Amino acid sequence: MNIIIKDDMVKESKMWKKPMVFFFVLVAAFPSVLIWNDIEATSIIVLELLYLLIGCFFLYGYLYTCKYKVLVTSEKTVLKTLFEKVEVPLKDIKSYNCKRYKKSEFYQFFILYKEGEVMINTRYKDDFKKLLDDQEQENLNN
């Protein structure tokens, strides 16, 4: 079982890190604003909650992109995300569809297999598509 494609989103996780840190620093700094200024406490609390929610959104994006991994071997495709691990045997794939993900370097593969459907994002379109086409041809011959 040799690994043909190994892909992740670690490089893209850096995009989420700076805003996350910025908003959490704002949340930590806002109590000092209450002490030094005579601003209404309710408006400060509302802003602090808003910054906390935005910071949590960026934290989610950062953790999700850090944990996203795709491993493609000659027998199966393994997708690991923050919440689940999906193994798709290549012989069980019925059909797939590929498209470019917005303006990024990623391609989205929508794979339909016996147990359901999965979406895989990868940079290696040509390699993955060739592997899926070869497997589809092999399935038709059998």
Foldseek 3Di string as FASTA:
>chain_A
DDWDDKDAQLVVLVVLPVLLVVLVVVLVCLVVVVVPDVDDPVVSVVVSVVSVVVSVVSVVSNQFRVFWMWTDDLFWIWTTTPPDIDIGGLLFWDDWDWDDDDPDLWIWIWTQGDVGIDIDIDNPVPSVVVSSVVSVVVNVVD
